[in-house]
Amino acid sequence: MIHPVRIPHEQVNDQSVLLVEWMAADGAEVKAGQPIAIIETSKSTAEIEAPAAGFLRHGAAVNSELPVG
């Protein structure tokens, strides 16, 4: 089953964010709740956590602008 990683609206007031860093390698095994990426908003940076346990597949490159939600 594929679980998409989403940027939650609860953490961000912006319409988009910048992907600053992947904290887990592409294909790495991750646990639910594990920090996997750092994003930058207009006001701060935040960690994004894995929504479920499994294997991470990067769907965006570092320095990409990503939509919230």
PDB file of N, CA and C in Angstrom:
ATOM      1  N   MET A   1       0.839  -1.179   0.000  1.00  0.00           N
ATOM      2  CA  MET A   1       0.000   0.000   0.000  1.00  0.00           C
ATOM      3  C   MET A   1       0.889   1.248   0.000  1.00  0.00           C
ATOM      4  N   ILE A   2       0.536   2.231  -0.791  1.00  0.00           N
ATOM      5  CA  ILE A   2       1.290   3.479  -0.872  1.00  0.00           C
ATOM      6  C   ILE A   2       0.628   4.521   0.022  1.00  0.00           C
ATOM      7  N   HIS A   3       1.437   5.152   0.868  1.00  0.00           N
ATOM      8  CA  HIS A   3       0.965   6.225   1.745  1.00  0.00           C
ATOM      9  C   HIS A   3       1.667   7.512   1.320  1.00  0.00           C
ATOM     10  N   PRO A   4       0.979   8.426   0.652  1.00  0.00           N
ATOM     11  CA  PRO A   4       1.641   9.671   0.243  1.00  0.00           C
ATOM     12  C   PRO A   4       2.011  10.517   1.453  1.00  0.00           C
ATOM     13  N   VAL A   5       3.130  11.193   1.344  1.00  0.00           N
ATOM     14  CA  VAL A   5       3.559  12.132   2.385  1.00  0.00           C
ATOM     15  C   VAL A   5       2.974  13.488   2.011  1.00  0.00           C
ATOM     16  N   ARG A   6       2.217  14.055   2.912  1.00  0.00           N
ATOM     17  CA  ARG A   6       1.565  15.343   2.653  1.00  0.00           C
ATOM     18  C   ARG A   6       2.073  16.397   3.626  1.00  0.00           C
ATOM     19  N   ILE A   7       2.092  17.636   3.174  1.00  0.00           N
ATOM     20  CA  ILE A   7       2.437  18.756   4.038  1.00  0.00           C
ATOM     21  C   ILE A   7       1.133  19.193   4.705  1.00  0.00           C
ATOM     22  N   PRO A   8       1.013  19.009   6.018  1.00  0.00           N
ATOM     23  CA  PRO A   8      -0.267  19.299   6.685  1.00  0.00           C
ATOM     24  C   PRO A   8      -0.573  20.789   6.772  1.00  0.00           C
ATOM     25  N   HIS A   9      -1.831  21.133   6.538  1.00  0.00           N
ATOM     26  CA  HIS A   9      -2.275  22.522   6.653  1.00  0.00           C
ATOM     27  C   HIS A   9      -2.140  23.035   8.082  1.00  0.00           C
ATOM     28  N   GLU A  10      -2.228  22.135   9.062  1.00  0.00           N
ATOM     29  CA  GLU A  10      -2.170  22.537  10.463  1.00  0.00           C
ATOM     30  C   GLU A  10      -0.832  23.171  10.820  1.00  0.00           C
ATOM     31  N   GLN A  11       0.237  22.793  10.118  1.00  0.00           N
ATOM     32  CA  GLN A  11       1.579  23.289  10.420  1.00  0.00           C
ATOM     33  C   GLN A  11       1.967  24.506   9.586  1.00  0.00           C
ATOM     34  N   VAL A  12       1.246  24.765   8.509  1.00  0.00           N
ATOM     35  CA  VAL A  12       1.707  25.745   7.528  1.00  0.00           C
ATOM     36  C   VAL A  12       0.577  26.678   7.119  1.00  0.00           C
ATOM     37  N   ASN A  13       0.856  27.980   7.096  1.00  0.00           N
ATOM     38  CA  ASN A  13      -0.122  28.950   6.622  1.00  0.00           C
ATOM     39  C   ASN A  13       0.075  29.293   5.143  1.00  0.00           C
ATOM     40  N   ASP A  14       1.148  28.819   4.554  1.00  0.00           N
ATOM     41  CA  ASP A  14       1.473  29.112   3.162  1.00  0.00           C
ATOM     42  C   ASP A  14       0.750  28.149   2.217  1.00  0.00           C
ATOM     43  N   GLN A  15       0.706  28.496   0.945  1.00  0.00           N
ATOM     44  CA  GLN A  15       0.133  27.619  -0.075  1.00  0.00           C
ATOM     45  C   GLN A  15       1.153  26.618  -0.594  1.00  0.00           C
ATOM     46  N   SER A  16       2.454  26.939  -0.413  1.00  0.00           N
ATOM     47  CA  SER A  16       3.515  26.037  -0.839  1.00  0.00           C
ATOM     48  C   SER A  16       4.703  26.191   0.105  1.00  0.00           C
ATOM     49  N   VAL A  17       5.585  25.197   0.082  1.00  0.00           N
ATOM     50  CA  VAL A  17       6.781  25.176   0.918  1.00  0.00           C
ATOM     51  C   VAL A  17       7.963  24.742   0.075  1.00  0.00           C
ATOM     52  N   LEU A  18       9.164  24.913   0.607  1.00  0.00           N
ATOM     53  CA  LEU A  18      10.385  24.500  -0.070  1.00  0.00           C
ATOM     54  C   LEU A  18      10.921  23.251   0.612  1.00  0.00           C
ATOM     55  N   LEU A  19      11.210  22.203  -0.156  1.00  0.00           N
ATOM     56  CA  LEU A  19      11.827  21.001   0.391  1.00  0.00           C
ATOM     57  C   LEU A  19      13.312  21.285   0.566  1.00  0.00           C
ATOM     58  N   VAL A  20      13.757  21.354   1.817  1.00  0.00           N
ATOM     59  CA  VAL A  20      15.141  21.719   2.132  1.00  0.00           C
ATOM     60  C   VAL A  20      16.047  20.490   2.160  1.00  0.00           C
ATOM     61  N   GLU A  21      15.553  19.404   2.747  1.00  0.00           N
ATOM     62  CA  GLU A  21      16.413  18.231   2.928  1.00  0.00           C
ATOM     63  C   GLU A  21      15.571  16.969   3.123  1.00  0.00           C
ATOM     64  N   TRP A  22      16.036  15.888   2.524  1.00  0.00           N
ATOM     65  CA  TRP A  22      15.501  14.569   2.850  1.00  0.00           C
ATOM     66  C   TRP A  22      16.332  14.038   3.997  1.00  0.00           C
ATOM     67  N   MET A  23      15.711  13.579   5.064  1.00  0.00           N
ATOM     68  CA  MET A  23      16.413  13.056   6.231  1.00  0.00           C
ATOM     69  C   MET A  23      16.563  11.540   6.162  1.00  0.00           C
ATOM     70  N   ALA A  24      15.942  10.916   5.185  1.00  0.00           N
ATOM     71  CA  ALA A  24      16.058   9.477   4.938  1.00  0.00           C
ATOM     72  C   ALA A  24      16.307   9.289   3.446  1.00  0.00           C
ATOM     73  N   ALA A  25      17.148   8.351   3.127  1.00  0.00           N
ATOM     74  CA  ALA A  25      17.515   8.105   1.730  1.00  0.00           C
ATOM     75  C   ALA A  25      16.351   7.512   0.949  1.00  0.00           C
ATOM     76  N   ASP A  26      16.376   7.715  -0.363  1.00  0.00           N
ATOM     77  CA  ASP A  26      15.388   7.109  -1.240  1.00  0.00           C
ATOM     78  C   ASP A  26      15.513   5.591  -1.128  1.00  0.00           C
ATOM     79  N   GLY A  27      14.408   4.918  -0.848  1.00  0.00           N
ATOM     80  CA  GLY A  27      14.406   3.475  -0.690  1.00  0.00           C
ATOM     81  C   GLY A  27      14.670   3.008   0.733  1.00  0.00           C
ATOM     82  N   ALA A  28      14.943   3.950   1.650  1.00  0.00           N
ATOM     83  CA  ALA A  28      15.225   3.578   3.042  1.00  0.00           C
ATOM     84  C   ALA A  28      13.962   3.103   3.753  1.00  0.00           C
ATOM     85  N   GLU A  29      14.139   2.180   4.666  1.00  0.00           N
ATOM     86  CA  GLU A  29      13.028   1.736   5.500  1.00  0.00           C
ATOM     87  C   GLU A  29      12.817   2.772   6.599  1.00  0.00           C
ATOM     88  N   VAL A  30      11.569   3.187   6.788  1.00  0.00           N
ATOM     89  CA  VAL A  30      11.239   4.186   7.812  1.00  0.00           C
ATOM     90  C   VAL A  30      10.121   3.664   8.707  1.00  0.00           C
ATOM     91  N   LYS A  31      10.049   4.236   9.895  1.00  0.00           N
ATOM     92  CA  LYS A  31       8.994   3.893  10.845  1.00  0.00           C
ATOM     93  C   LYS A  31       7.957   4.997  10.850  1.00  0.00           C
ATOM     94  N   ALA A  32       6.729   4.675  11.187  1.00  0.00           N
ATOM     95  CA  ALA A  32       5.674   5.684  11.302  1.00  0.00           C
ATOM     96  C   ALA A  32       6.100   6.727  12.326  1.00  0.00           C
ATOM     97  N   GLY A  33       5.967   7.996  11.970  1.00  0.00           N
ATOM     98  CA  GLY A  33       6.320   9.084  12.866  1.00  0.00           C
ATOM     99  C   GLY A  33       7.779   9.501  12.804  1.00  0.00           C
ATOM    100  N   GLN A  34       8.587   8.782  12.046  1.00  0.00           N
ATOM    101  CA  GLN A  34      10.002   9.122  11.914  1.00  0.00           C
ATOM    102  C   GLN A  34      10.146  10.380  11.057  1.00  0.00           C
ATOM    103  N   PRO A  35      10.960  11.351  11.481  1.00  0.00           N
ATOM    104  CA  PRO A  35      11.211  12.517  10.632  1.00  0.00           C
ATOM    105  C   PRO A  35      11.901  12.087   9.337  1.00  0.00           C
ATOM    106  N   ILE A  36      11.343  12.527   8.203  1.00  0.00           N
ATOM    107  CA  ILE A  36      11.904  12.111   6.913  1.00  0.00           C
ATOM    108  C   ILE A  36      12.334  13.272   6.029  1.00  0.00           C
ATOM    109  N   ALA A  37      11.832  14.479   6.327  1.00  0.00           N
ATOM    110  CA  ALA A  37      12.169  15.627   5.482  1.00  0.00           C
ATOM    111  C   ALA A  37      12.094  16.916   6.288  1.00  0.00           C
ATOM    112  N   ILE A  38      12.812  17.912   5.804  1.00  0.00           N
ATOM    113  CA  ILE A  38      12.733  19.260   6.376  1.00  0.00           C
ATOM    114  C   ILE A  38      12.198  20.177   5.293  1.00  0.00           C
ATOM    115  N   ILE A  39      11.184  20.969   5.670  1.00  0.00           N
ATOM    116  CA  ILE A  39      10.612  21.951   4.750  1.00  0.00           C
ATOM    117  C   ILE A  39      10.822  23.351   5.308  1.00  0.00           C
ATOM    118  N   GLU A  40      10.764  24.322   4.426  1.00  0.00           N
ATOM    119  CA  GLU A  40      10.887  25.727   4.816  1.00  0.00           C
ATOM    120  C   GLU A  40       9.631  26.468   4.389  1.00  0.00           C
ATOM    121  N   THR A  41       9.040  27.178   5.350  1.00  0.00           N
ATOM    122  CA  THR A  41       7.880  28.019   5.057  1.00  0.00           C
ATOM    123  C   THR A  41       8.344  29.467   5.031  1.00  0.00           C
ATOM    124  N   SER A  42       7.417  30.390   4.885  1.00  0.00           N
ATOM    125  CA  SER A  42       7.783  31.807   4.890  1.00  0.00           C
ATOM    126  C   SER A  42       8.237  32.271   6.266  1.00  0.00           C
ATOM    127  N   LYS A  43       7.952  31.473   7.312  1.00  0.00           N
ATOM    128  CA  LYS A  43       8.281  31.891   8.673  1.00  0.00           C
ATOM    129  C   LYS A  43       9.283  30.996   9.390  1.00  0.00           C
ATOM    130  N   SER A  44       9.399  29.734   9.012  1.00  0.00           N
ATOM    131  CA  SER A  44      10.264  28.825   9.767  1.00  0.00           C
ATOM    132  C   SER A  44      10.557  27.567   8.965  1.00  0.00           C
ATOM    133  N   THR A  45      11.263  26.652   9.605  1.00  0.00           N
ATOM    134  CA  THR A  45      11.461  25.322   9.036  1.00  0.00           C
ATOM    135  C   THR A  45      10.714  24.321   9.913  1.00  0.00           C
ATOM    136  N   ALA A  46      10.387  23.182   9.338  1.00  0.00           N
ATOM    137  CA  ALA A  46       9.656  22.157  10.080  1.00  0.00           C
ATOM    138  C   ALA A  46      10.051  20.785   9.555  1.00  0.00           C
ATOM    139  N   GLU A  47       9.943  19.792  10.419  1.00  0.00           N
ATOM    140  CA  GLU A  47      10.168  18.403  10.021  1.00  0.00           C
ATOM    141  C   GLU A  47       8.841  17.779   9.596  1.00  0.00           C
ATOM    142  N   ILE A  48       8.901  16.948   8.587  1.00  0.00           N
ATOM    143  CA  ILE A  48       7.749  16.174   8.140  1.00  0.00           C
ATOM    144  C   ILE A  48       8.019  14.724   8.516  1.00  0.00           C
ATOM    145  N   GLU A  49       7.008  14.079   9.081  1.00  0.00           N
ATOM    146  CA  GLU A  49       7.154  12.701   9.545  1.00  0.00           C
ATOM    147  C   GLU A  49       6.523  11.710   8.574  1.00  0.00           C
ATOM    148  N   ALA A  50       7.037  10.499   8.610  1.00  0.00           N
ATOM    149  CA  ALA A  50       6.464   9.417   7.807  1.00  0.00           C
ATOM    150  C   ALA A  50       5.057   9.105   8.309  1.00  0.00           C
ATOM    151  N   PRO A  51       4.078   9.032   7.429  1.00  0.00           N
ATOM    152  CA  PRO A  51       2.710   8.735   7.860  1.00  0.00           C
ATOM    153  C   PRO A  51       2.502   7.275   8.263  1.00  0.00           C
ATOM    154  N   ALA A  52       3.398   6.397   7.803  1.00  0.00           N
ATOM    155  CA  ALA A  52       3.276   4.964   8.091  1.00  0.00           C
ATOM    156  C   ALA A  52       4.649   4.321   7.948  1.00  0.00           C
ATOM    157  N   ALA A  53       4.804   3.144   8.491  1.00  0.00           N
ATOM    158  CA  ALA A  53       6.038   2.389   8.320  1.00  0.00           C
ATOM    159  C   ALA A  53       6.106   1.852   6.895  1.00  0.00           C
ATOM    160  N   GLY A  54       7.323   1.765   6.368  1.00  0.00           N
ATOM    161  CA  GLY A  54       7.486   1.229   5.026  1.00  0.00           C
ATOM    162  C   GLY A  54       8.797   1.691   4.429  1.00  0.00           C
ATOM    163  N   PHE A  55       8.823   1.793   3.122  1.00  0.00           N
ATOM    164  CA  PHE A  55      10.017   2.209   2.393  1.00  0.00           C
ATOM    165  C   PHE A  55       9.740   3.540   1.717  1.00  0.00           C
ATOM    166  N   LEU A  56      10.630   4.489   1.916  1.00  0.00           N
ATOM    167  CA  LEU A  56      10.450   5.846   1.403  1.00  0.00           C
ATOM    168  C   LEU A  56      10.895   5.948  -0.050  1.00  0.00           C
ATOM    169  N   ARG A  57      10.053   6.538  -0.857  1.00  0.00           N
ATOM    170  CA  ARG A  57      10.404   6.858  -2.252  1.00  0.00           C
ATOM    171  C   ARG A  57      10.294   8.363  -2.409  1.00  0.00           C
ATOM    172  N   HIS A  58      11.410   9.004  -2.751  1.00  0.00           N
ATOM    173  CA  HIS A  58      11.407  10.447  -2.939  1.00  0.00           C
ATOM    174  C   HIS A  58      10.583  10.802  -4.171  1.00  0.00           C
ATOM    175  N   GLY A  59       9.610  11.659  -3.988  1.00  0.00           N
ATOM    176  CA  GLY A  59       8.771  12.080  -5.099  1.00  0.00           C
ATOM    177  C   GLY A  59       9.080  13.490  -5.549  1.00  0.00           C
ATOM    178  N   ALA A  60      10.057  14.126  -4.876  1.00  0.00           N
ATOM    179  CA  ALA A  60      10.437  15.498  -5.218  1.00  0.00           C
ATOM    180  C   ALA A  60      11.916  15.683  -4.905  1.00  0.00           C
ATOM    181  N   ALA A  61      12.549  16.570  -5.627  1.00  0.00           N
ATOM    182  CA  ALA A  61      13.963  16.863  -5.417  1.00  0.00           C
ATOM    183  C   ALA A  61      14.130  17.952  -4.365  1.00  0.00           C
ATOM    184  N   VAL A  62      15.265  17.918  -3.691  1.00  0.00           N
ATOM    185  CA  VAL A  62      15.607  18.995  -2.761  1.00  0.00           C
ATOM    186  C   VAL A  62      15.562  20.316  -3.524  1.00  0.00           C
ATOM    187  N   ASN A  63      15.105  21.365  -2.858  1.00  0.00           N
ATOM    188  CA  ASN A  63      14.927  22.710  -3.409  1.00  0.00           C
ATOM    189  C   ASN A  63      13.699  22.834  -4.308  1.00  0.00           C
ATOM    190  N   SER A  64      12.834  21.810  -4.279  1.00  0.00           N
ATOM    191  CA  SER A  64      11.573  21.883  -5.022  1.00  0.00           C
ATOM    192  C   SER A  64      10.523  22.604  -4.198  1.00  0.00           C
ATOM    193  N   GLU A  65       9.656  23.349  -4.866  1.00  0.00           N
ATOM    194  CA  GLU A  65       8.508  23.963  -4.213  1.00  0.00           C
ATOM    195  C   GLU A  65       7.364  22.956  -4.244  1.00  0.00           C
ATOM    196  N   LEU A  66       6.780  22.711  -3.073  1.00  0.00           N
ATOM    197  CA  LEU A  66       5.732  21.695  -2.952  1.00  0.00           C
ATOM    198  C   LEU A  66       4.432  22.313  -2.448  1.00  0.00           C
ATOM    199  N   PRO A  67       3.305  21.847  -2.938  1.00  0.00           N
ATOM    200  CA  PRO A  67       2.029  22.369  -2.454  1.00  0.00           C
ATOM    201  C   PRO A  67       1.725  21.857  -1.054  1.00  0.00           C
ATOM    202  N   VAL A  68       1.017  22.649  -0.280  1.00  0.00           N
ATOM    203  CA  VAL A  68       0.571  22.234   1.042  1.00  0.00           C
ATOM    204  C   VAL A  68      -0.711  21.433   0.871  1.00  0.00           C
ATOM    205  N   GLY A  69      -0.850  20.376   1.661  1.00  0.00           N
ATOM    206  CA  GLY A  69      -2.034  19.516   1.566  1.00  0.00           C
ATOM    207  C   GLY A  69      -1.708  18.363   0.711  1.00  0.00           C
TER     208      GLY A  69
END
